[in-house]
């Protein structure tokens, strides 16, 4: 990747992080709502992620889990995957089993949070 592109991506993500730290998406209407939920009425796997990141930035792990547990639980897994890649010659990002595992986990999370009786998984 080009170095300038990486810098731009970093600045955008850092800016988004500062906004999420300063403003609670639960109380401010200026943050994007989920287009999938608006179109279908169903929760997508990412619903509640902005609120979850806001809570994580304020070190409120329990509240973050309540808004999007998949995101919170994926962070240690992604860190382990990145660490594995850095310290071994194996690249799990290029291993189709890893890609399929992430895809299946996200689809399962999206389906589970919309099932009757599992309303606790909703943000």
PDB file of N, CA and C in Angstrom:
ATOM      1  N   UNK A   1       0.830  -1.180   0.000  1.00  0.00           N
ATOM      2  CA  UNK A   1       0.000   0.000   0.000  1.00  0.00           C
ATOM      3  C   UNK A   1       0.875   1.244   0.000  1.00  0.00           C
ATOM      4  N   UNK A   2       0.408   2.235  -0.651  1.00  0.00           N
ATOM      5  CA  UNK A   2       1.122   3.492  -0.722  1.00  0.00           C
ATOM      6  C   UNK A   2       1.163   4.160   0.654  1.00  0.00           C
ATOM      7  N   UNK A   3       2.274   4.764   0.983  1.00  0.00           N
ATOM      8  CA  UNK A   3       2.449   5.378   2.299  1.00  0.00           C
ATOM      9  C   UNK A   3       1.475   6.535   2.527  1.00  0.00           C
ATOM     10  N   UNK A   4       1.227   7.332   1.490  1.00  0.00           N
ATOM     11  CA  UNK A   4       0.289   8.451   1.608  1.00  0.00           C
ATOM     12  C   UNK A   4      -1.127   7.938   1.879  1.00  0.00           C
ATOM     13  N   UNK A   5      -1.506   6.847   1.218  1.00  0.00           N
ATOM     14  CA  UNK A   5      -2.831   6.261   1.430  1.00  0.00           C
ATOM     15  C   UNK A   5      -2.969   5.775   2.871  1.00  0.00           C
ATOM     16  N   UNK A   6      -1.940   5.125   3.378  1.00  0.00           N
ATOM     17  CA  UNK A   6      -1.963   4.655   4.774  1.00  0.00           C
ATOM     18  C   UNK A   6      -2.117   5.826   5.739  1.00  0.00           C
ATOM     19  N   UNK A   7      -1.428   6.909   5.462  1.00  0.00           N
ATOM     20  CA  UNK A   7      -1.519   8.092   6.314  1.00  0.00           C
ATOM     21  C   UNK A   7      -2.933   8.663   6.285  1.00  0.00           C
ATOM     22  N   UNK A   8      -3.536   8.726   5.117  1.00  0.00           N
ATOM     23  CA  UNK A   8      -4.899   9.242   4.990  1.00  0.00           C
ATOM     24  C   UNK A   8      -5.876   8.350   5.753  1.00  0.00           C
ATOM     25  N   UNK A   9      -5.737   7.037   5.611  1.00  0.00           N
ATOM     26  CA  UNK A   9      -6.608   6.097   6.323  1.00  0.00           C
ATOM     27  C   UNK A   9      -6.436   6.274   7.830  1.00  0.00           C
ATOM     28  N   UNK A  10      -5.208   6.411   8.290  1.00  0.00           N
ATOM     29  CA  UNK A  10      -4.947   6.608   9.714  1.00  0.00           C
ATOM     30  C   UNK A  10      -5.599   7.893  10.211  1.00  0.00           C
ATOM     31  N   UNK A  11      -5.470   8.976   9.460  1.00  0.00           N
ATOM     32  CA  UNK A  11      -6.053  10.258   9.869  1.00  0.00           C
ATOM     33  C   UNK A  11      -7.578  10.165   9.934  1.00  0.00           C
ATOM     34  N   UNK A  12      -8.185   9.514   8.955  1.00  0.00           N
ATOM     35  CA  UNK A  12      -9.639   9.368   8.945  1.00  0.00           C
ATOM     36  C   UNK A  12     -10.099   8.545  10.144  1.00  0.00           C
ATOM     37  N   UNK A  13      -9.430   7.424  10.407  1.00  0.00           N
ATOM     38  CA  UNK A  13      -9.811   6.564  11.532  1.00  0.00           C
ATOM     39  C   UNK A  13      -9.577   7.282  12.857  1.00  0.00           C
ATOM     40  N   UNK A  14      -8.464   7.998  12.977  1.00  0.00           N
ATOM     41  CA  UNK A  14      -8.183   8.747  14.203  1.00  0.00           C
ATOM     42  C   UNK A  14      -9.228   9.845  14.411  1.00  0.00           C
ATOM     43  N   UNK A  15      -9.603  10.528  13.351  1.00  0.00           N
ATOM     44  CA  UNK A  15     -10.629  11.567  13.453  1.00  0.00           C
ATOM     45  C   UNK A  15     -11.969  10.996  13.876  1.00  0.00           C
ATOM     46  N   UNK A  16     -12.331   9.847  13.292  1.00  0.00           N
ATOM     47  CA  UNK A  16     -13.565   9.180  13.669  1.00  0.00           C
ATOM     48  C   UNK A  16     -13.509   8.768  15.144  1.00  0.00           C
ATOM     49  N   UNK A  17     -12.342   8.283  15.583  1.00  0.00           N
ATOM     50  CA  UNK A  17     -12.176   7.898  16.984  1.00  0.00           C
ATOM     51  C   UNK A  17     -12.329   9.073  17.926  1.00  0.00           C
ATOM     52  N   UNK A  18     -11.771  10.228  17.551  1.00  0.00           N
ATOM     53  CA  UNK A  18     -11.908  11.431  18.383  1.00  0.00           C
ATOM     54  C   UNK A  18     -13.374  11.843  18.467  1.00  0.00           C
ATOM     55  N   UNK A  19     -14.073  11.806  17.329  1.00  0.00           N
ATOM     56  CA  UNK A  19     -15.503  12.146  17.337  1.00  0.00           C
ATOM     57  C   UNK A  19     -16.293  11.193  18.222  1.00  0.00           C
ATOM     58  N   UNK A  20     -15.998   9.889  18.102  1.00  0.00           N
ATOM     59  CA  UNK A  20     -16.705   8.914  18.924  1.00  0.00           C
ATOM     60  C   UNK A  20     -16.357   9.052  20.402  1.00  0.00           C
ATOM     61  N   UNK A  21     -15.154   9.488  20.699  1.00  0.00           N
ATOM     62  CA  UNK A  21     -14.780   9.701  22.097  1.00  0.00           C
ATOM     63  C   UNK A  21     -15.539  10.898  22.671  1.00  0.00           C
ATOM     64  N   UNK A  22     -15.631  11.954  21.889  1.00  0.00           N
ATOM     65  CA  UNK A  22     -16.224  13.205  22.380  1.00  0.00           C
ATOM     66  C   UNK A  22     -17.752  13.192  22.387  1.00  0.00           C
ATOM     67  N   UNK A  23     -18.363  12.491  21.445  1.00  0.00           N
ATOM     68  CA  UNK A  23     -19.809  12.524  21.306  1.00  0.00           C
ATOM     69  C   UNK A  23     -20.377  11.114  21.376  1.00  0.00           C
ATOM     70  N   UNK A  24     -21.396  10.941  22.196  1.00  0.00           N
ATOM     71  CA  UNK A  24     -22.044   9.640  22.353  1.00  0.00           C
ATOM     72  C   UNK A  24     -23.039   9.428  21.215  1.00  0.00           C
ATOM     73  N   UNK A  25     -22.844   8.408  20.381  1.00  0.00           N
ATOM     74  CA  UNK A  25     -23.779   8.150  19.277  1.00  0.00           C
ATOM     75  C   UNK A  25     -25.204   7.865  19.747  1.00  0.00           C
ATOM     76  N   UNK A  26     -25.365   7.480  21.003  1.00  0.00           N
ATOM     77  CA  UNK A  26     -26.695   7.192  21.528  1.00  0.00           C
ATOM     78  C   UNK A  26     -27.499   8.473  21.758  1.00  0.00           C
ATOM     79  N   UNK A  27     -26.802   9.577  21.976  1.00  0.00           N
ATOM     80  CA  UNK A  27     -27.506  10.830  22.270  1.00  0.00           C
ATOM     81  C   UNK A  27     -27.380  11.867  21.162  1.00  0.00           C
ATOM     82  N   UNK A  28     -26.493  11.667  20.205  1.00  0.00           N
ATOM     83  CA  UNK A  28     -26.311  12.614  19.100  1.00  0.00           C
ATOM     84  C   UNK A  28     -26.844  12.005  17.801  1.00  0.00           C
ATOM     85  N   UNK A  29     -27.653  12.760  17.099  1.00  0.00           N
ATOM     86  CA  UNK A  29     -28.236  12.281  15.843  1.00  0.00           C
ATOM     87  C   UNK A  29     -27.314  12.465  14.650  1.00  0.00           C
ATOM     88  N   UNK A  30     -26.143  13.033  14.839  1.00  0.00           N
ATOM     89  CA  UNK A  30     -25.260  13.321  13.713  1.00  0.00           C
ATOM     90  C   UNK A  30     -24.502  12.087  13.213  1.00  0.00           C
ATOM     91  N   UNK A  31     -24.566  10.975  13.944  1.00  0.00           N
ATOM     92  CA  UNK A  31     -23.907   9.756  13.505  1.00  0.00           C
ATOM     93  C   UNK A  31     -24.830   8.976  12.571  1.00  0.00           C
ATOM     94  N   UNK A  32     -24.238   8.202  11.676  1.00  0.00           N
ATOM     95  CA  UNK A  32     -25.018   7.429  10.714  1.00  0.00           C
ATOM     96  C   UNK A  32     -25.809   6.329  11.403  1.00  0.00           C
ATOM     97  N   UNK A  33     -27.027   6.138  10.930  1.00  0.00           N
ATOM     98  CA  UNK A  33     -27.791   4.980  11.395  1.00  0.00           C
ATOM     99  C   UNK A  33     -27.559   3.847  10.401  1.00  0.00           C
ATOM    100  N   UNK A  34     -27.970   2.659  10.787  1.00  0.00           N
ATOM    101  CA  UNK A  34     -27.706   1.471   9.966  1.00  0.00           C
ATOM    102  C   UNK A  34     -28.631   1.441   8.747  1.00  0.00           C
ATOM    103  N   UNK A  35     -28.066   1.485   7.536  1.00  0.00           N
ATOM    104  CA  UNK A  35     -28.924   1.424   6.347  1.00  0.00           C
ATOM    105  C   UNK A  35     -29.593   0.054   6.184  1.00  0.00           C
ATOM    106  N   UNK A  36     -28.947  -1.020   6.609  1.00  0.00           N
ATOM    107  CA  UNK A  36     -29.529  -2.356   6.528  1.00  0.00           C
ATOM    108  C   UNK A  36     -30.781  -2.434   7.394  1.00  0.00           C
ATOM    109  N   UNK A  37     -30.678  -1.911   8.606  1.00  0.00           N
ATOM    110  CA  UNK A  37     -31.832  -1.918   9.508  1.00  0.00           C
ATOM    111  C   UNK A  37     -32.947  -1.022   8.978  1.00  0.00           C
ATOM    112  N   UNK A  38     -32.580   0.122   8.392  1.00  0.00           N
ATOM    113  CA  UNK A  38     -33.586   1.025   7.837  1.00  0.00           C
ATOM    114  C   UNK A  38     -34.343   0.375   6.680  1.00  0.00           C
ATOM    115  N   UNK A  39     -33.651  -0.425   5.865  1.00  0.00           N
ATOM    116  CA  UNK A  39     -34.284  -1.063   4.707  1.00  0.00           C
ATOM    117  C   UNK A  39     -35.066  -2.323   5.062  1.00  0.00           C
ATOM    118  N   UNK A  40     -34.549  -3.102   6.008  1.00  0.00           N
ATOM    119  CA  UNK A  40     -35.142  -4.414   6.276  1.00  0.00           C
ATOM    120  C   UNK A  40     -35.840  -4.515   7.629  1.00  0.00           C
ATOM    121  N   UNK A  41     -35.501  -3.637   8.559  1.00  0.00           N
ATOM    122  CA  UNK A  41     -36.033  -3.754   9.907  1.00  0.00           C
ATOM    123  C   UNK A  41     -35.290  -4.767  10.751  1.00  0.00           C
ATOM    124  N   UNK A  42     -34.244  -5.371  10.183  1.00  0.00           N
ATOM    125  CA  UNK A  42     -33.438  -6.365  10.896  1.00  0.00           C
ATOM    126  C   UNK A  42     -32.117  -5.752  11.335  1.00  0.00           C
ATOM    127  N   UNK A  43     -31.519  -6.333  12.366  1.00  0.00           N
ATOM    128  CA  UNK A  43     -30.211  -5.882  12.837  1.00  0.00           C
ATOM    129  C   UNK A  43     -29.111  -6.541  12.015  1.00  0.00           C
ATOM    130  N   UNK A  44     -28.146  -5.771  11.594  1.00  0.00           N
ATOM    131  CA  UNK A  44     -26.995  -6.339  10.898  1.00  0.00           C
ATOM    132  C   UNK A  44     -25.932  -6.708  11.941  1.00  0.00           C
ATOM    133  N   UNK A  45     -24.886  -7.436  11.569  1.00  0.00           N
ATOM    134  CA  UNK A  45     -23.848  -7.786  12.545  1.00  0.00           C
ATOM    135  C   UNK A  45     -23.139  -6.566  13.139  1.00  0.00           C
ATOM    136  N   UNK A  46     -23.177  -5.438  12.444  1.00  0.00           N
ATOM    137  CA  UNK A  46     -22.479  -4.250  12.928  1.00  0.00           C
ATOM    138  C   UNK A  46     -23.336  -3.286  13.711  1.00  0.00           C
ATOM    139  N   UNK A  47     -24.635  -3.538  13.800  1.00  0.00           N
ATOM    140  CA  UNK A  47     -25.515  -2.626  14.537  1.00  0.00           C
ATOM    141  C   UNK A  47     -25.028  -2.475  15.980  1.00  0.00           C
ATOM    142  N   UNK A  48     -24.913  -1.243  16.413  1.00  0.00           N
ATOM    143  CA  UNK A  48     -24.430  -0.944  17.760  1.00  0.00           C
ATOM    144  C   UNK A  48     -22.925  -0.775  17.837  1.00  0.00           C
ATOM    145  N   UNK A  49     -22.220  -0.902  16.712  1.00  0.00           N
ATOM    146  CA  UNK A  49     -20.756  -0.835  16.733  1.00  0.00           C
ATOM    147  C   UNK A  49     -20.248   0.552  17.123  1.00  0.00           C
ATOM    148  N   UNK A  50     -20.909   1.607  16.626  1.00  0.00           N
ATOM    149  CA  UNK A  50     -20.448   2.958  16.988  1.00  0.00           C
ATOM    150  C   UNK A  50     -20.603   3.197  18.489  1.00  0.00           C
ATOM    151  N   UNK A  51     -21.723   2.768  19.041  1.00  0.00           N
ATOM    152  CA  UNK A  51     -21.933   2.919  20.483  1.00  0.00           C
ATOM    153  C   UNK A  51     -20.947   2.050  21.257  1.00  0.00           C
ATOM    154  N   UNK A  52     -20.653   0.865  20.724  1.00  0.00           N
ATOM    155  CA  UNK A  52     -19.705  -0.032  21.371  1.00  0.00           C
ATOM    156  C   UNK A  52     -18.299   0.573  21.392  1.00  0.00           C
ATOM    157  N   UNK A  53     -17.883   1.155  20.267  1.00  0.00           N
ATOM    158  CA  UNK A  53     -16.554   1.787  20.208  1.00  0.00           C
ATOM    159  C   UNK A  53     -16.500   2.977  21.166  1.00  0.00           C
ATOM    160  N   UNK A  54     -17.578   3.769  21.225  1.00  0.00           N
ATOM    161  CA  UNK A  54     -17.628   4.889  22.174  1.00  0.00           C
ATOM    162  C   UNK A  54     -17.426   4.377  23.596  1.00  0.00           C
ATOM    163  N   UNK A  55     -18.122   3.295  23.950  1.00  0.00           N
ATOM    164  CA  UNK A  55     -17.978   2.733  25.293  1.00  0.00           C
ATOM    165  C   UNK A  55     -16.573   2.186  25.533  1.00  0.00           C
ATOM    166  N   UNK A  56     -15.991   1.526  24.531  1.00  0.00           N
ATOM    167  CA  UNK A  56     -14.621   1.016  24.682  1.00  0.00           C
ATOM    168  C   UNK A  56     -13.616   2.149  24.885  1.00  0.00           C
ATOM    169  N   UNK A  57     -13.800   3.242  24.163  1.00  0.00           N
ATOM    170  CA  UNK A  57     -12.895   4.383  24.319  1.00  0.00           C
ATOM    171  C   UNK A  57     -12.994   4.990  25.711  1.00  0.00           C
ATOM    172  N   UNK A  58     -14.130   4.800  26.375  1.00  0.00           N
ATOM    173  CA  UNK A  58     -14.312   5.279  27.745  1.00  0.00           C
ATOM    174  C   UNK A  58     -14.127   4.157  28.761  1.00  0.00           C
ATOM    175  N   UNK A  59     -13.589   3.018  28.294  1.00  0.00           N
ATOM    176  CA  UNK A  59     -13.266   1.850  29.130  1.00  0.00           C
ATOM    177  C   UNK A  59     -14.481   1.277  29.852  1.00  0.00           C
ATOM    178  N   UNK A  60     -15.645   1.330  29.201  1.00  0.00           N
ATOM    179  CA  UNK A  60     -16.867   0.733  29.744  1.00  0.00           C
ATOM    180  C   UNK A  60     -17.118  -0.573  28.981  1.00  0.00           C
ATOM    181  N   UNK A  61     -16.418  -1.614  29.400  1.00  0.00           N
ATOM    182  CA  UNK A  61     -16.442  -2.890  28.684  1.00  0.00           C
ATOM    183  C   UNK A  61     -17.826  -3.528  28.730  1.00  0.00           C
ATOM    184  N   UNK A  62     -18.483  -3.501  29.865  1.00  0.00           N
ATOM    185  CA  UNK A  62     -19.804  -4.112  29.996  1.00  0.00           C
ATOM    186  C   UNK A  62     -20.827  -3.471  29.071  1.00  0.00           C
ATOM    187  N   UNK A  63     -20.825  -2.150  29.009  1.00  0.00           N
ATOM    188  CA  UNK A  63     -21.751  -1.454  28.114  1.00  0.00           C
ATOM    189  C   UNK A  63     -21.406  -1.732  26.656  1.00  0.00           C
ATOM    190  N   UNK A  64     -20.114  -1.802  26.353  1.00  0.00           N
ATOM    191  CA  UNK A  64     -19.688  -2.098  24.987  1.00  0.00           C
ATOM    192  C   UNK A  64     -20.172  -3.487  24.574  1.00  0.00           C
ATOM    193  N   UNK A  65     -20.074  -4.452  25.477  1.00  0.00           N
ATOM    194  CA  UNK A  65     -20.576  -5.801  25.190  1.00  0.00           C
ATOM    195  C   UNK A  65     -22.074  -5.776  24.928  1.00  0.00           C
ATOM    196  N   UNK A  66     -22.793  -4.936  25.644  1.00  0.00           N
ATOM    197  CA  UNK A  66     -24.229  -4.830  25.455  1.00  0.00           C
ATOM    198  C   UNK A  66     -24.620  -4.232  24.116  1.00  0.00           C
ATOM    199  N   UNK A  67     -23.792  -3.355  23.590  1.00  0.00           N
ATOM    200  CA  UNK A  67     -24.113  -2.720  22.307  1.00  0.00           C
ATOM    201  C   UNK A  67     -23.720  -3.597  21.122  1.00  0.00           C
ATOM    202  N   UNK A  68     -22.567  -4.223  21.163  1.00  0.00           N
ATOM    203  CA  UNK A  68     -22.165  -5.137  20.090  1.00  0.00           C
ATOM    204  C   UNK A  68     -21.076  -6.070  20.625  1.00  0.00           C
ATOM    205  N   UNK A  69     -21.515  -7.191  21.158  1.00  0.00           N
ATOM    206  CA  UNK A  69     -20.580  -8.152  21.757  1.00  0.00           C
ATOM    207  C   UNK A  69     -19.625  -8.733  20.722  1.00  0.00           C
ATOM    208  N   UNK A  70     -20.094  -8.900  19.497  1.00  0.00           N
ATOM    209  CA  UNK A  70     -19.233  -9.472  18.453  1.00  0.00           C
ATOM    210  C   UNK A  70     -18.010  -8.591  18.216  1.00  0.00           C
ATOM    211  N   UNK A  71     -18.211  -7.300  18.185  1.00  0.00           N
ATOM    212  CA  UNK A  71     -17.088  -6.376  17.975  1.00  0.00           C
ATOM    213  C   UNK A  71     -16.097  -6.474  19.132  1.00  0.00           C
ATOM    214  N   UNK A  72     -16.607  -6.438  20.340  1.00  0.00           N
ATOM    215  CA  UNK A  72     -15.733  -6.471  21.516  1.00  0.00           C
ATOM    216  C   UNK A  72     -14.956  -7.785  21.580  1.00  0.00           C
ATOM    217  N   UNK A  73     -15.626  -8.895  21.279  1.00  0.00           N
ATOM    218  CA  UNK A  73     -14.962 -10.194  21.331  1.00  0.00           C
ATOM    219  C   UNK A  73     -14.041 -10.425  20.133  1.00  0.00           C
ATOM    220  N   UNK A  74     -14.296  -9.744  19.037  1.00  0.00           N
ATOM    221  CA  UNK A  74     -13.443  -9.887  17.853  1.00  0.00           C
ATOM    222  C   UNK A  74     -12.107  -9.169  18.027  1.00  0.00           C
ATOM    223  N   UNK A  75     -12.058  -8.137  18.842  1.00  0.00           N
ATOM    224  CA  UNK A  75     -10.809  -7.372  18.995  1.00  0.00           C
ATOM    225  C   UNK A  75      -9.648  -8.226  19.498  1.00  0.00           C
ATOM    226  N   UNK A  76      -9.816  -9.042  20.559  1.00  0.00           N
ATOM    227  CA  UNK A  76      -8.706  -9.909  20.956  1.00  0.00           C
ATOM    228  C   UNK A  76      -8.362 -10.944  19.883  1.00  0.00           C
ATOM    229  N   UNK A  77      -9.382 -11.451  19.181  1.00  0.00           N
ATOM    230  CA  UNK A  77      -9.128 -12.437  18.125  1.00  0.00           C
ATOM    231  C   UNK A  77      -8.343 -11.804  16.971  1.00  0.00           C
ATOM    232  N   UNK A  78      -8.711 -10.590  16.600  1.00  0.00           N
ATOM    233  CA  UNK A  78      -7.971  -9.894  15.539  1.00  0.00           C
ATOM    234  C   UNK A  78      -6.549  -9.567  15.978  1.00  0.00           C
ATOM    235  N   UNK A  79      -6.386  -9.213  17.248  1.00  0.00           N
ATOM    236  CA  UNK A  79      -5.044  -8.953  17.777  1.00  0.00           C
ATOM    237  C   UNK A  79      -4.201 -10.214  17.731  1.00  0.00           C
ATOM    238  N   UNK A  80      -4.789 -11.348  18.111  1.00  0.00           N
ATOM    239  CA  UNK A  80      -4.067 -12.629  18.049  1.00  0.00           C
ATOM    240  C   UNK A  80      -3.714 -12.971  16.608  1.00  0.00           C
ATOM    241  N   UNK A  81      -4.637 -12.733  15.692  1.00  0.00           N
ATOM    242  CA  UNK A  81      -4.378 -13.013  14.279  1.00  0.00           C
ATOM    243  C   UNK A  81      -3.237 -12.130  13.763  1.00  0.00           C
ATOM    244  N   UNK A  82      -3.252 -10.854  14.113  1.00  0.00           N
ATOM    245  CA  UNK A  82      -2.192  -9.936  13.681  1.00  0.00           C
ATOM    246  C   UNK A  82      -0.851 -10.365  14.292  1.00  0.00           C
ATOM    247  N   UNK A  83      -0.855 -10.726  15.585  1.00  0.00           N
ATOM    248  CA  UNK A  83       0.378 -11.158  16.258  1.00  0.00           C
ATOM    249  C   UNK A  83       0.928 -12.416  15.601  1.00  0.00           C
ATOM    250  N   UNK A  84       0.049 -13.356  15.301  1.00  0.00           N
ATOM    251  CA  UNK A  84       0.451 -14.595  14.636  1.00  0.00           C
ATOM    252  C   UNK A  84       1.143 -14.276  13.317  1.00  0.00           C
ATOM    253  N   UNK A  85       0.572 -13.371  12.569  1.00  0.00           N
ATOM    254  CA  UNK A  85       1.132 -12.998  11.270  1.00  0.00           C
ATOM    255  C   UNK A  85       2.506 -12.342  11.431  1.00  0.00           C
ATOM    256  N   UNK A  86       2.661 -11.498  12.437  1.00  0.00           N
ATOM    257  CA  UNK A  86       3.915 -10.760  12.625  1.00  0.00           C
ATOM    258  C   UNK A  86       5.072 -11.661  13.062  1.00  0.00           C
ATOM    259  N   UNK A  87       4.777 -12.702  13.839  1.00  0.00           N
ATOM    260  CA  UNK A  87       5.848 -13.493  14.439  1.00  0.00           C
ATOM    261  C   UNK A  87       6.025 -14.874  13.835  1.00  0.00           C
ATOM    262  N   UNK A  88       5.285 -15.187  12.792  1.00  0.00           N
ATOM    263  CA  UNK A  88       5.470 -16.452  12.085  1.00  0.00           C
ATOM    264  C   UNK A  88       5.506 -16.162  10.595  1.00  0.00           C
ATOM    265  N   UNK A  89       5.888 -17.138   9.837  1.00  0.00           N
ATOM    266  CA  UNK A  89       5.887 -16.976   8.386  1.00  0.00           C
ATOM    267  C   UNK A  89       4.515 -17.257   7.781  1.00  0.00           C
ATOM    268  N   UNK A  90       3.599 -17.758   8.603  1.00  0.00           N
ATOM    269  CA  UNK A  90       2.254 -18.055   8.116  1.00  0.00           C
ATOM    270  C   UNK A  90       1.428 -16.781   8.092  1.00  0.00           C
ATOM    271  N   UNK A  91       0.581 -16.655   7.092  1.00  0.00           N
ATOM    272  CA  UNK A  91      -0.266 -15.474   6.961  1.00  0.00           C
ATOM    273  C   UNK A  91      -1.723 -15.908   7.031  1.00  0.00           C
ATOM    274  N   UNK A  92      -2.356 -15.787   8.222  1.00  0.00           N
ATOM    275  CA  UNK A  92      -3.741 -16.237   8.347  1.00  0.00           C
ATOM    276  C   UNK A  92      -4.707 -15.425   7.500  1.00  0.00           C
ATOM    277  N   UNK A  93      -4.342 -14.212   7.114  1.00  0.00           N
ATOM    278  CA  UNK A  93      -5.222 -13.402   6.270  1.00  0.00           C
ATOM    279  C   UNK A  93      -5.339 -13.986   4.864  1.00  0.00           C
ATOM    280  N   UNK A  94      -4.356 -14.753   4.445  1.00  0.00           N
ATOM    281  CA  UNK A  94      -4.388 -15.355   3.116  1.00  0.00           C
ATOM    282  C   UNK A  94      -4.880 -16.804   3.151  1.00  0.00           C
ATOM    283  N   UNK A  95      -5.148 -17.288   4.337  1.00  0.00           N
ATOM    284  CA  UNK A  95      -5.648 -18.650   4.504  1.00  0.00           C
ATOM    285  C   UNK A  95      -7.168 -18.606   4.402  1.00  0.00           C
ATOM    286  N   UNK A  96      -7.735 -19.294   3.428  1.00  0.00           N
ATOM    287  CA  UNK A  96      -9.179 -19.261   3.216  1.00  0.00           C
ATOM    288  C   UNK A  96      -9.962 -19.746   4.426  1.00  0.00           C
ATOM    289  N   UNK A  97      -9.390 -20.633   5.217  1.00  0.00           N
ATOM    290  CA  UNK A  97     -10.101 -21.110   6.408  1.00  0.00           C
ATOM    291  C   UNK A  97     -10.352 -19.962   7.379  1.00  0.00           C
ATOM    292  N   UNK A  98      -9.397 -19.058   7.514  1.00  0.00           N
ATOM    293  CA  UNK A  98      -9.563 -17.913   8.410  1.00  0.00           C
ATOM    294  C   UNK A  98     -10.632 -16.971   7.868  1.00  0.00           C
ATOM    295  N   UNK A  99     -10.591 -16.706   6.578  1.00  0.00           N
ATOM    296  CA  UNK A  99     -11.585 -15.829   5.959  1.00  0.00           C
ATOM    297  C   UNK A  99     -12.978 -16.428   6.118  1.00  0.00           C
ATOM    298  N   UNK A 100     -13.121 -17.720   5.844  1.00  0.00           N
ATOM    299  CA  UNK A 100     -14.419 -18.372   5.981  1.00  0.00           C
ATOM    300  C   UNK A 100     -14.874 -18.385   7.435  1.00  0.00           C
ATOM    301  N   UNK A 101     -13.975 -18.580   8.365  1.00  0.00           N
ATOM    302  CA  UNK A 101     -14.353 -18.589   9.786  1.00  0.00           C
ATOM    303  C   UNK A 101     -14.900 -17.231  10.205  1.00  0.00           C
ATOM    304  N   UNK A 102     -14.234 -16.147   9.800  1.00  0.00           N
ATOM    305  CA  UNK A 102     -14.725 -14.799  10.109  1.00  0.00           C
ATOM    306  C   UNK A 102     -16.074 -14.557   9.445  1.00  0.00           C
ATOM    307  N   UNK A 103     -16.226 -14.961   8.198  1.00  0.00           N
ATOM    308  CA  UNK A 103     -17.486 -14.750   7.474  1.00  0.00           C
ATOM    309  C   UNK A 103     -18.630 -15.518   8.139  1.00  0.00           C
ATOM    310  N   UNK A 104     -18.389 -16.772   8.484  1.00  0.00           N
ATOM    311  CA  UNK A 104     -19.426 -17.589   9.124  1.00  0.00           C
ATOM    312  C   UNK A 104     -19.791 -17.019  10.491  1.00  0.00           C
ATOM    313  N   UNK A 105     -18.788 -16.587  11.247  1.00  0.00           N
ATOM    314  CA  UNK A 105     -19.050 -16.013  12.572  1.00  0.00           C
ATOM    315  C   UNK A 105     -19.898 -14.752  12.462  1.00  0.00           C
ATOM    316  N   UNK A 106     -19.601 -13.884  11.501  1.00  0.00           N
ATOM    317  CA  UNK A 106     -20.371 -12.650  11.346  1.00  0.00           C
ATOM    318  C   UNK A 106     -21.802 -12.920  10.883  1.00  0.00           C
ATOM    319  N   UNK A 107     -21.975 -13.846   9.964  1.00  0.00           N
ATOM    320  CA  UNK A 107     -23.333 -14.190   9.511  1.00  0.00           C
ATOM    321  C   UNK A 107     -24.117 -14.828  10.665  1.00  0.00           C
ATOM    322  N   UNK A 108     -23.487 -15.712  11.412  1.00  0.00           N
ATOM    323  CA  UNK A 108     -24.150 -16.353  12.550  1.00  0.00           C
ATOM    324  C   UNK A 108     -24.559 -15.315  13.593  1.00  0.00           C
ATOM    325  N   UNK A 109     -23.710 -14.349  13.854  1.00  0.00           N
ATOM    326  CA  UNK A 109     -24.021 -13.273  14.801  1.00  0.00           C
ATOM    327  C   UNK A 109     -25.205 -12.450  14.292  1.00  0.00           C
ATOM    328  N   UNK A 110     -25.188 -12.127  13.013  1.00  0.00           N
ATOM    329  CA  UNK A 110     -26.290 -11.355  12.433  1.00  0.00           C
ATOM    330  C   UNK A 110     -27.611 -12.097  12.496  1.00  0.00           C
ATOM    331  N   UNK A 111     -27.595 -13.403  12.263  1.00  0.00           N
ATOM    332  CA  UNK A 111     -28.821 -14.200  12.322  1.00  0.00           C
ATOM    333  C   UNK A 111     -29.267 -14.342  13.778  1.00  0.00           C
ATOM    334  N   UNK A 112     -28.347 -14.669  14.666  1.00  0.00           N
ATOM    335  CA  UNK A 112     -28.689 -14.929  16.065  1.00  0.00           C
ATOM    336  C   UNK A 112     -29.327 -13.718  16.727  1.00  0.00           C
ATOM    337  N   UNK A 113     -28.849 -12.535  16.435  1.00  0.00           N
ATOM    338  CA  UNK A 113     -29.390 -11.359  17.124  1.00  0.00           C
ATOM    339  C   UNK A 113     -30.766 -10.962  16.616  1.00  0.00           C
ATOM    340  N   UNK A 114     -31.240 -11.606  15.557  1.00  0.00           N
ATOM    341  CA  UNK A 114     -32.575 -11.338  15.052  1.00  0.00           C
ATOM    342  C   UNK A 114     -33.574 -12.447  15.378  1.00  0.00           C
ATOM    343  N   UNK A 115     -33.130 -13.503  16.056  1.00  0.00           N
ATOM    344  CA  UNK A 115     -34.021 -14.615  16.397  1.00  0.00           C
ATOM    345  C   UNK A 115     -34.879 -14.275  17.613  1.00  0.00           C
ATOM    346  N   UNK A 116     -36.134 -14.742  17.594  1.00  0.00           N
ATOM    347  CA  UNK A 116     -36.989 -14.534  18.781  1.00  0.00           C
ATOM    348  C   UNK A 116     -36.370 -15.235  19.997  1.00  0.00           C
ATOM    349  N   UNK A 117     -36.432 -14.578  21.115  1.00  0.00           N
ATOM    350  CA  UNK A 117     -35.869 -15.133  22.344  1.00  0.00           C
ATOM    351  C   UNK A 117     -34.444 -14.709  22.605  1.00  0.00           C
ATOM    352  N   UNK A 118     -33.794 -14.136  21.596  1.00  0.00           N
ATOM    353  CA  UNK A 118     -32.405 -13.680  21.766  1.00  0.00           C
ATOM    354  C   UNK A 118     -32.333 -12.153  21.690  1.00  0.00           C
ATOM    355  N   UNK A 119     -33.357 -11.488  22.180  1.00  0.00           N
ATOM    356  CA  UNK A 119     -33.395 -10.031  22.134  1.00  0.00           C
ATOM    357  C   UNK A 119     -32.246  -9.398  22.929  1.00  0.00           C
ATOM    358  N   UNK A 120     -31.656 -10.165  23.850  1.00  0.00           N
ATOM    359  CA  UNK A 120     -30.537  -9.646  24.641  1.00  0.00           C
ATOM    360  C   UNK A 120     -29.325  -9.345  23.765  1.00  0.00           C
ATOM    361  N   UNK A 121     -29.256  -9.927  22.579  1.00  0.00           N
ATOM    362  CA  UNK A 121     -28.130  -9.676  21.665  1.00  0.00           C
ATOM    363  C   UNK A 121     -28.292  -8.379  20.873  1.00  0.00           C
ATOM    364  N   UNK A 122     -29.482  -7.791  20.923  1.00  0.00           N
ATOM    365  CA  UNK A 122     -29.725  -6.539  20.214  1.00  0.00           C
ATOM    366  C   UNK A 122     -29.058  -5.387  20.961  1.00  0.00           C
ATOM    367  N   UNK A 123     -28.605  -4.368  20.215  1.00  0.00           N
ATOM    368  CA  UNK A 123     -27.969  -3.224  20.907  1.00  0.00           C
ATOM    369  C   UNK A 123     -28.950  -2.414  21.732  1.00  0.00           C
TER     370      UNK A 123
END
